[in-house]
Amino acid sequence: MNSEPAYARNSERFESFHALQAALTCRLALHCSLIAQWLASQPFRGEDAGVGAGPPKAWRTSRLNLARRRELRALVSGAGEQGPGTDNLGKWLLASMPVRTYLEIVDLAAPNLRAVDPAADDCRRELVRMRDSLFAANFGLARNAAMGPGSRDYNERLSAASCGLLDAIDRYVPGPKAARFSYFASYWIRYHVSRHAQKHGSLIAFPINQQRIGRQIERYLGERNSSGEPPPSLPRLCADLRISPDAFYWSRCRPRVVSMHDCTGSESGSATMENLLRDPGPEPDDALEQDETAAQLRTLLRTHVCPETRVMLAYLRGIGELSEAAEDHLARLRGIARTRLRKLADGIRRLGRLGDPALTGGSNGAFAAPSSRSS
């Protein structure tokens, strides 16, 4: 019984996978209309207009520049006019396109592909099955990359690493001089994880070139600071890093994302609070239970809202207990009555001390009886 893991047979499995890709590209070269339809559906990128017409490198990429589009159109038209051109078209597709591009082209005729070309449909099914098996066999590479240091959200990093692994499977070309797949896939996994952090690390997304320029500037200034050199002038910095003053200006204008949970200062002395907009909620240990929250709300309601208003709210809107609000209202009325009676009694005592004859009948303070009139 063979107990070696599936990833130990990557070399022979990728050779079979590449042979299936060659078979599928040969079948696709016979259907030039599908390739022309896919090529017409690709969005035009304005930056492609300045690309030179030199011979493109044989690199598997789904983003075609202007030179590659012209070459592909020429191969499609040549294969449509004469039969021998299909071999060149198939070889070009195999050398320049990843597997996901083959699947996109085939999906254009997916409903009727079985009736039109059964061999192409069989190749597509076997290619998808082997692609899934290679992904499952090498999934440990993505899992190990997602468990790196400082990873707060494991699921998001694992999703990005899985996309990188699938991209590596689609682009890998086996051969005697090819690198090991684990080494080749590690680059694409790190690339996708870093791009995911750059795009979703904060609420504001920045172009990749601005992030690279910012890292270059920070690395350059850090090296000069560690060596004890003074801070360089702007022309010197731009000349050393080969960037324009505008690029330096916009890299310094990038806003900083802060956090309420990390209010400590960094090593340089400035506050580096890192995740305010991304994680504004309280920590799980500080979250209140439902009954504790209700008790605090009742305390605030009884402290800051007068009883008359609470009676109305309880009666009309069902906010709080009506009996509790009525009890507080009666208690407040009793307190008001006691205060007024106390003030009235104090006034009477003050008048008695002054000896008002209208209220007192003599020095002993007793009321005198009315005297009878003489006739």
Foldseek 3Di string as FASTA:
>chain_A
DDDDAPLVCVQVLLVVLLVLLLQLLLVVLVVLVLVVVVLVPDDDDPVLVPDDLDDDDQFADPDDGPNRSVVLVVLSVVCVVDPVSSVVRSVSCSRHHFPVVSVVSVVVCVVCCCVVPVVNVVSVVVSVVSLVVVLVRPLVLLQVQLPDPPRPDSVLLSVQLSVLQSVLSRGDDDDPPGDRSSVSSNVSSVVSSVVCCQQPVAPDHDDPVLVVVLVVLVVVQVVCVVVPHDDDDLVVSCVVVVHDSVSVVVSVVDDAAACPVQQDADPVGHGRHHYRPPDVDDDPVPDDDPVVVVVVVVVCCVPPPQLVVVCVCCVPPVDDDNVVSVVSVVVVVVVVVVVVVVVVVVVVVVVQVVPDVVQAPDPVRHNDDDDDDDD
